[in-house]
Protein backbone atom coordinates (compact mmCIF):
# COMPACT_ATOMS: atom_id res chain seq x y z
CA MET A 1 -26.48 41.96 -13.45
CA LEU A 2 -29.31 39.50 -12.90
CA THR A 3 -29.19 37.27 -9.90
CA PHE A 4 -31.67 34.77 -8.53
CA THR A 5 -32.29 32.11 -5.95
CA TYR A 6 -34.07 28.90 -6.59
CA SER A 7 -35.16 25.70 -4.89
CA PRO A 8 -34.87 22.66 -7.21
CA SER A 9 -37.11 20.61 -4.91
CA GLU A 10 -40.09 22.76 -5.57
CA LYS A 11 -42.56 21.91 -8.33
CA ARG A 12 -42.12 23.37 -11.71
CA GLY A 13 -43.17 26.96 -11.98
CA SER A 14 -42.50 27.58 -8.27
CA ARG A 15 -38.70 27.00 -8.09
CA ILE A 16 -37.51 30.64 -8.48
CA LYS A 17 -37.64 32.40 -5.18
CA GLU A 18 -35.93 35.81 -5.56
CA ILE A 19 -34.81 37.76 -8.63
CA SER A 20 -32.69 40.88 -8.58
CA VAL A 21 -31.33 43.22 -11.24
CA SER A 22 -28.36 45.25 -10.18
CA GLY A 23 -29.05 44.37 -6.59
CA HIS A 24 -32.74 45.51 -6.61
CA PRO A 25 -35.68 43.10 -6.61
CA ILE A 26 -37.47 43.01 -9.96
CA GLU A 27 -40.73 44.82 -10.38
CA LEU A 28 -43.29 42.40 -11.61
CA ASP A 29 -45.18 45.10 -13.53
CA LYS A 30 -42.15 46.34 -15.34
CA GLU A 31 -40.59 45.02 -18.60
CA TYR A 32 -36.84 44.47 -18.77
CA VAL A 33 -34.48 44.26 -21.73
CA VAL A 34 -32.67 40.84 -21.89
CA ALA A 35 -29.97 39.54 -24.14
CA THR A 36 -29.91 35.90 -24.87
CA ASN A 37 -28.86 33.31 -27.57
CA ASP A 38 -31.22 32.03 -30.23
CA PHE A 39 -31.53 28.58 -28.56
CA LEU A 40 -33.23 30.13 -25.50
CA ALA A 41 -35.11 32.76 -27.51
CA VAL A 42 -36.93 30.07 -29.41
CA GLY A 43 -37.80 27.84 -26.47
CA GLY A 44 -34.84 25.53 -26.14
CA ASP A 45 -34.92 23.21 -23.12
CA GLU A 46 -38.65 24.04 -22.73
CA TYR A 47 -37.82 27.69 -21.74
CA ARG A 48 -40.80 29.47 -23.09
CA ALA A 49 -40.62 32.89 -21.42
CA PHE A 50 -39.08 34.68 -24.42
CA GLY A 51 -41.49 33.19 -26.90
CA GLU A 52 -44.44 34.33 -24.63
CA ALA A 53 -42.95 37.86 -24.56
CA ILE A 54 -42.84 37.89 -28.35
CA LYS A 55 -46.44 36.65 -28.56
CA SER A 56 -47.55 39.61 -26.25
CA SER A 57 -46.32 42.09 -28.78
CA ARG A 58 -48.90 44.24 -30.41
CA ASP A 59 -47.63 43.45 -33.87
CA PHE A 60 -46.88 39.73 -33.29
CA SER A 61 -46.75 37.60 -36.35
CA VAL A 62 -45.38 34.35 -37.63
CA MET A 63 -43.64 34.43 -40.97
CA GLY A 64 -42.14 31.25 -42.36
CA GLY A 65 -41.76 29.74 -38.95
CA MET A 66 -40.16 32.86 -37.48
CA MET A 67 -41.90 34.76 -34.73
CA LYS A 68 -41.49 38.50 -34.59
CA GLY A 69 -42.89 41.54 -32.64
CA GLU A 70 -41.88 44.88 -31.37
CA LYS A 71 -40.66 43.39 -28.18
CA VAL A 72 -37.85 41.44 -29.95
CA VAL A 73 -34.75 42.43 -31.86
CA TYR A 74 -32.95 39.54 -33.43
CA ILE A 75 -29.65 40.02 -35.14
CA ASP A 76 -28.38 37.02 -37.06
CA SER A 77 -24.65 37.36 -37.44
CA GLY A 78 -24.76 34.30 -39.56
CA ARG A 79 -22.39 32.52 -37.07
CA TRP A 80 -23.28 29.58 -34.82
CA LEU A 81 -22.87 30.36 -31.09
CA ARG A 82 -20.67 27.22 -30.75
CA ASP A 83 -18.26 28.66 -33.37
CA VAL A 84 -18.08 31.98 -31.65
CA MET A 85 -17.31 30.25 -28.30
CA LEU A 86 -14.71 28.07 -29.99
CA GLU A 87 -12.89 31.06 -31.36
CA TYR A 88 -13.02 32.83 -28.04
CA ILE A 89 -11.54 29.84 -26.26
CA LYS A 90 -8.76 29.36 -28.89
CA GLU A 91 -7.91 33.11 -28.53
CA LEU A 92 -7.76 32.94 -24.69
CA LYS A 93 -5.88 29.53 -24.82
CA ARG A 94 -7.06 28.93 -21.26
CA ILE A 95 -10.43 28.75 -19.54
CA ALA A 96 -10.64 29.71 -15.91
CA PRO A 97 -14.32 29.48 -14.81
CA THR A 98 -15.31 31.01 -11.57
CA VAL A 99 -18.37 30.96 -9.36
CA GLU A 100 -20.00 34.44 -9.61
CA GLY A 101 -22.80 33.95 -7.07
CA ARG A 102 -25.45 34.95 -9.64
CA ILE A 103 -27.40 31.77 -9.17
CA VAL A 104 -27.97 30.44 -5.63
CA GLU A 105 -29.53 27.18 -4.86
CA ILE A 106 -31.74 27.01 -1.72
CA ARG A 107 -31.64 23.63 -0.06
């Protein structure tokens, strides 16, 4: 599980203070495997980290507007994330969100 602390009052690029994976601080010279949705993978909400990881691939290429490289595996199920979530919510019939403590704001 990934956890992090952040300070929203800091300037952009300096807000994240501590990042841990499975309770251990990340190693800055190590690469990690991450699962995400296509919105973030392609830079949604100006989140460009995944796109930059793709560009650092040795075999990086752009084909028809799609970026690809050895550091990325993209599986298109042909289903929209919103539809997958809607089906899940209908199946559960009840949503009970909880605070997990994975993201901690520093004031």
